[in-house]
Amino acid sequence: MNQEEKTLRENIRHMIRHVKQKKLNEEEGLRTLIRKFVDHEFEQIIAEAAVPDVEPTPNKSTGINVLEELLKKIIPVLETDYKSLTTDNAQRESFRSHVINAVVNTLTPAKVNTAAAGGGEEALEELIDIDLGGEDKFIDIRTDAEKKAEEPEEEDDPRDSFGAGVEGDETGRNVAYQSFKKIESSIIDSYELLSNEEDQELFYDYLIANLKLYFDKFEEELASAVSEPSNQAYDMAKDSAETGGDEAGSDEMALQEYINSL
């Protein structure tokens, strides 16, 4: 074998090794890429499986779904104001009564409007008393300025009309008035979203019921804490410290006797 042939063989071997190595490198790179992809997909599956399904299941009633969203807005407001009334229970009772009464008074006109829209004049007349045939047919032609000039100068306190017909502590009424002003528009807007009569009835009934239940819950949370546990030794020592003198000495002896008996 001459030198030229030998050189050619070496070059061919070198090229073969180069091609094989390149192929191996490509295969390894492909394996690495596939491995990374599989690992990533596996991590995604594990992460999704670890996340609990916290999305609430919608209620079968649209009215209840709308009410649930409303309660999320108004309950924190009512809770804060209710729990600020800590002087005595009468204030909170008054707050509760005035808020519930205000909700009823606010939604009653909305229910009347709905009845009128859905059932015409006959349905409306069943809810409100319309009397156009009375003896008093006087038509007041005074201008607004003239009417205002004849009105008493002292304006009525809106809190008085807010609490009309409801007995209770005045402080509780005043706080209820301020609190209700914060939530009134939300209640009306939520109710007016509903046109289905069944949804409206469920919304109204469950709103009143839930307000009462939440007020019960707030009151329980404000209830006095459970009294601190005590024992006979502590009570005797406490009495001894409060009475002093000879009585203290006798109490101390009694206390010591009690301890020795343990």
Protein backbone atom coordinates (compact mmCIF):
# COMPACT_ATOMS: atom_id res chain seq x y z
CA MET A 1 0.00 0.00 0.00
CA ASN A 2 1.48 3.29 -1.06
CA GLN A 3 1.35 6.51 0.92
CA GLU A 4 -1.39 8.05 -1.19
CA GLU A 5 -3.74 5.12 -0.66
CA LYS A 6 -2.98 5.12 3.03
CA THR A 7 -3.78 8.81 3.31
CA LEU A 8 -7.05 8.32 1.44
CA ARG A 9 -8.13 5.53 3.81
CA GLU A 10 -7.34 7.70 6.83
CA ASN A 11 -9.41 10.54 5.42
CA ILE A 12 -12.35 8.23 4.75
CA ARG A 13 -12.20 6.84 8.30
CA HIS A 14 -12.06 10.39 9.67
CA MET A 15 -15.11 11.39 7.64
CA ILE A 16 -17.02 8.31 8.79
CA ARG A 17 -16.22 9.03 12.45
CA HIS A 18 -17.27 12.69 11.94
CA VAL A 19 -20.59 11.69 10.39
CA LYS A 20 -21.29 9.14 13.13
CA GLN A 21 -20.44 11.67 15.87
CA LYS A 22 -22.61 14.31 14.27
CA LYS A 23 -25.48 11.85 14.06
CA LEU A 24 -25.02 10.88 17.69
CA ASN A 25 -24.96 14.52 18.74
CA GLU A 26 -28.15 15.21 16.81
CA GLU A 27 -29.87 12.21 18.36
CA GLU A 28 -28.76 13.25 21.85
CA GLY A 29 -29.95 16.79 21.25
CA LEU A 30 -33.28 15.48 20.05
CA ARG A 31 -33.59 13.23 23.10
CA THR A 32 -32.77 16.16 25.40
CA LEU A 33 -35.38 18.33 23.69
CA ILE A 34 -38.01 15.61 23.94
CA ARG A 35 -37.12 15.00 27.60
CA LYS A 36 -37.50 18.71 28.43
CA PHE A 37 -40.83 18.86 26.64
CA VAL A 38 -42.15 15.79 28.47
CA ASP A 39 -40.93 17.09 31.83
CA HIS A 40 -42.62 20.45 31.21
CA GLU A 41 -45.91 18.81 30.25
CA PHE A 42 -45.74 16.53 33.28
CA GLU A 43 -45.14 19.49 35.61
CA GLN A 44 -48.12 21.28 34.09
CA ILE A 45 -50.36 18.26 34.66
CA ILE A 46 -49.20 17.96 38.29
CA ALA A 47 -49.70 21.70 38.91
CA GLU A 48 -53.22 21.66 37.47
CA ALA A 49 -54.12 18.59 39.51
CA ALA A 50 -52.88 20.28 42.70
CA VAL A 51 -55.10 23.35 42.25
CA PRO A 52 -58.52 22.74 43.82
CA ASP A 53 -61.66 23.67 41.94
CA VAL A 54 -62.78 26.72 43.94
CA GLU A 55 -65.19 28.12 41.39
CA PRO A 56 -68.63 28.17 43.01
CA THR A 57 -71.39 26.27 41.26
CA PRO A 58 -74.07 28.76 40.12
CA ASN A 59 -77.45 28.42 41.78
CA LYS A 60 -80.38 27.20 39.72
CA SER A 61 -82.11 30.53 40.32
CA THR A 62 -80.86 33.74 38.71
CA GLY A 63 -82.47 35.65 41.55
CA ILE A 64 -80.32 33.84 44.12
CA ASN A 65 -77.18 34.33 42.01
CA VAL A 66 -77.84 38.09 41.84
CA LEU A 67 -78.57 38.17 45.57
CA GLU A 68 -75.30 36.36 46.34
CA GLU A 69 -73.32 39.06 44.52
CA LEU A 70 -75.30 41.77 46.33
CA LEU A 71 -74.62 40.25 49.75
CA LYS A 72 -70.88 40.28 49.04
CA LYS A 73 -71.15 44.07 48.68
CA ILE A 74 -73.51 45.03 51.49
CA ILE A 75 -72.83 42.57 54.33
CA PRO A 76 -69.31 43.92 55.11
CA VAL A 77 -70.77 47.45 55.32
CA LEU A 78 -73.56 46.38 57.66
CA GLU A 79 -71.20 44.28 59.78
CA THR A 80 -68.80 47.17 60.38
CA ASP A 81 -71.55 49.59 61.36
CA TYR A 82 -73.49 47.06 63.45
CA LYS A 83 -70.44 46.06 65.44
CA SER A 84 -69.60 49.71 66.15
CA LEU A 85 -72.68 49.89 68.41
CA THR A 86 -71.23 48.49 71.60
CA THR A 87 -72.78 50.62 74.38
CA ASP A 88 -75.79 48.35 74.77
CA ASN A 89 -77.89 45.81 72.93
CA ALA A 90 -80.75 48.26 72.36
CA GLN A 91 -78.65 50.21 69.87
CA ARG A 92 -77.98 47.10 67.80
CA GLU A 93 -81.61 45.97 67.98
CA SER A 94 -82.66 49.38 66.71
CA PHE A 95 -80.06 49.27 63.93
CA ARG A 96 -81.30 45.84 62.83
CA SER A 97 -84.98 46.82 62.84
CA HIS A 98 -84.43 50.04 60.93
CA VAL A 99 -82.26 48.45 58.24
CA ILE A 100 -84.71 45.62 57.56
CA ASN A 101 -87.63 48.05 57.54
CA ALA A 102 -85.76 50.29 55.10
CA VAL A 103 -85.08 47.37 52.76
CA VAL A 104 -88.79 46.47 52.75
CA ASN A 105 -89.80 50.09 52.14
CA THR A 106 -87.23 50.45 49.36
CA LEU A 107 -88.21 47.33 47.44
CA THR A 108 -91.97 47.76 47.80
CA PRO A 109 -92.15 50.57 45.17
CA ALA A 110 -89.98 48.44 42.88
CA LYS A 111 -92.42 45.55 43.28
CA VAL A 112 -95.31 47.90 42.51
CA ASN A 113 -93.59 49.12 39.36
CA THR A 114 -92.94 45.56 38.24
CA ALA A 115 -96.56 44.60 38.80
CA ALA A 116 -97.73 47.61 36.81
CA ALA A 117 -95.40 46.79 33.95
CA GLY A 118 -96.37 43.14 33.89
CA GLY A 119 -100.11 43.25 34.58
CA GLY A 120 -101.34 46.67 33.56
CA GLU A 121 -103.63 48.94 35.54
CA GLU A 122 -105.60 46.14 37.21
CA ALA A 123 -102.47 44.67 38.81
CA LEU A 124 -101.35 48.09 39.91
CA GLU A 125 -104.72 48.93 41.51
CA GLU A 126 -104.47 45.76 43.59
CA LEU A 127 -101.28 47.06 45.17
CA ILE A 128 -102.10 50.72 45.63
CA ASP A 129 -105.35 52.52 46.32
CA ILE A 130 -106.22 54.94 43.49
CA ASP A 131 -109.22 57.16 44.08
CA LEU A 132 -110.00 59.71 41.39
CA GLY A 133 -113.68 60.10 42.21
CA GLY A 134 -113.51 61.75 45.62
CA GLU A 135 -115.15 65.00 46.62
CA ASP A 136 -111.86 66.89 46.82
CA LYS A 137 -111.14 67.94 43.24
CA PHE A 138 -109.25 71.11 44.12
CA ILE A 139 -106.43 71.89 41.66
CA ASP A 140 -103.57 73.78 43.26
CA ILE A 141 -102.30 76.40 40.78
CA ARG A 142 -99.63 77.91 43.01
CA THR A 143 -96.11 78.07 41.65
CA ASP A 144 -93.35 76.04 43.29
CA ALA A 145 -91.91 79.22 44.73
CA GLU A 146 -95.25 80.13 46.30
CA LYS A 147 -95.66 76.64 47.74
CA LYS A 148 -92.16 76.72 49.19
CA ALA A 149 -92.72 80.14 50.72
CA GLU A 150 -95.72 78.83 52.62
CA GLU A 151 -93.92 75.75 53.92
CA PRO A 152 -92.49 75.83 57.46
CA GLU A 153 -88.92 77.10 57.49
CA GLU A 154 -87.71 74.25 59.68
CA GLU A 155 -86.82 71.26 57.51
CA ASP A 156 -87.66 67.78 58.70
CA ASP A 157 -84.78 65.58 59.77
CA PRO A 158 -84.55 62.83 57.11
CA ARG A 159 -83.66 60.40 59.88
CA ASP A 160 -87.12 60.92 61.34
CA SER A 161 -88.86 59.84 58.14
CA PHE A 162 -86.35 56.99 57.78
CA GLY A 163 -87.33 55.65 61.20
CA ALA A 164 -91.05 56.31 60.90
CA GLY A 165 -93.10 53.45 62.28
CA VAL A 166 -90.12 51.71 63.87
CA GLU A 167 -89.45 51.89 67.59
CA GLY A 168 -85.91 51.73 68.89
CA ASP A 169 -82.83 53.46 70.20
CA GLU A 170 -82.14 56.75 68.41
CA THR A 171 -78.41 56.14 68.08
CA GLY A 172 -79.09 52.79 66.45
CA ARG A 173 -81.53 54.49 64.08
CA ASN A 174 -79.03 57.19 63.13
CA VAL A 175 -76.25 54.70 62.41
CA ALA A 176 -78.71 52.54 60.44
CA TYR A 177 -79.65 55.60 58.37
CA GLN A 178 -76.02 56.30 57.47
CA SER A 179 -75.34 52.63 56.80
CA PHE A 180 -78.38 52.15 54.57
CA LYS A 181 -77.45 55.16 52.45
CA LYS A 182 -74.25 53.28 51.51
CA ILE A 183 -76.09 50.20 50.26
CA GLU A 184 -79.49 51.44 49.05
CA SER A 185 -78.53 51.94 45.39
CA SER A 186 -76.87 48.51 45.22
CA ILE A 187 -80.06 46.84 46.49
CA ILE A 188 -82.27 48.65 43.98
CA ASP A 189 -79.89 48.05 41.06
CA SER A 190 -79.69 44.33 41.84
CA TYR A 191 -83.45 43.91 42.14
CA GLU A 192 -84.11 45.81 38.90
CA LEU A 193 -81.86 43.40 37.00
CA LEU A 194 -84.57 40.78 37.44
CA SER A 195 -87.72 40.66 35.34
CA ASN A 196 -88.77 37.09 36.08
CA GLU A 197 -91.43 37.09 38.80
CA GLU A 198 -90.08 33.97 40.50
CA ASP A 199 -86.55 35.42 40.58
CA GLN A 200 -87.89 38.64 42.10
CA GLU A 201 -89.79 36.79 44.83
CA LEU A 202 -86.78 34.62 45.71
CA PHE A 203 -84.49 37.65 45.74
CA TYR A 204 -86.80 39.60 48.04
CA ASP A 205 -87.58 36.75 50.45
CA TYR A 206 -84.00 35.50 50.71
CA LEU A 207 -82.60 39.01 51.10
CA ILE A 208 -84.75 39.66 54.18
CA ALA A 209 -84.03 36.21 55.58
CA ASN A 210 -80.27 36.53 55.06
CA LEU A 211 -80.13 39.98 56.63
CA LYS A 212 -81.76 38.59 59.76
CA LEU A 213 -79.42 35.59 59.81
CA TYR A 214 -76.34 37.77 59.37
CA PHE A 215 -77.46 40.08 62.18
CA ASP A 216 -77.84 37.00 64.40
CA LYS A 217 -74.32 35.97 63.43
CA PHE A 218 -72.90 39.43 64.20
CA GLU A 219 -74.58 39.40 67.62
CA GLU A 220 -73.11 36.00 68.45
CA GLU A 221 -69.65 37.26 67.52
CA LEU A 222 -70.11 40.24 69.83
CA ALA A 223 -71.28 38.07 72.70
CA SER A 224 -69.17 38.17 75.82
CA ALA A 225 -66.22 35.83 75.91
CA VAL A 226 -66.46 32.70 78.03
CA SER A 227 -65.53 33.52 81.61
CA GLU A 228 -62.00 32.60 82.62
CA PRO A 229 -61.76 29.22 84.39
CA SER A 230 -60.91 29.45 88.08
CA ASN A 231 -60.34 27.15 91.05
CA GLN A 232 -60.87 27.19 94.79
CA ALA A 233 -57.27 28.11 95.63
CA TYR A 234 -57.35 31.17 93.40
CA ASP A 235 -60.73 32.30 94.72
CA MET A 236 -59.58 32.00 98.34
CA ALA A 237 -56.36 33.92 97.65
CA LYS A 238 -58.27 36.64 95.86
CA ASP A 239 -60.75 37.01 98.72
CA SER A 240 -57.87 37.17 101.19
CA ALA A 241 -56.19 39.98 99.31
CA GLU A 242 -59.42 41.97 99.10
CA THR A 243 -60.53 41.63 102.78
CA GLY A 244 -57.13 42.06 104.56
CA GLY A 245 -56.63 42.08 108.39
CA ASP A 246 -57.56 39.13 110.57
CA GLU A 247 -59.84 37.74 107.94
CA ALA A 248 -56.86 37.60 105.60
CA GLY A 249 -54.89 35.55 108.15
CA SER A 250 -57.69 33.05 108.60
CA ASP A 251 -58.16 32.80 104.85
CA GLU A 252 -54.46 32.15 104.39
CA MET A 253 -54.62 29.33 106.92
CA ALA A 254 -57.64 27.87 105.16
CA LEU A 255 -55.84 28.18 101.86
CA GLN A 256 -52.79 26.39 103.24
CA GLU A 257 -54.97 23.62 104.62
CA TYR A 258 -56.62 23.24 101.25
CA ILE A 259 -53.24 23.05 99.47
CA ASN A 260 -51.97 20.44 101.95
CA SER A 261 -55.03 18.34 101.28
CA LEU A 262 -54.28 18.16 97.58
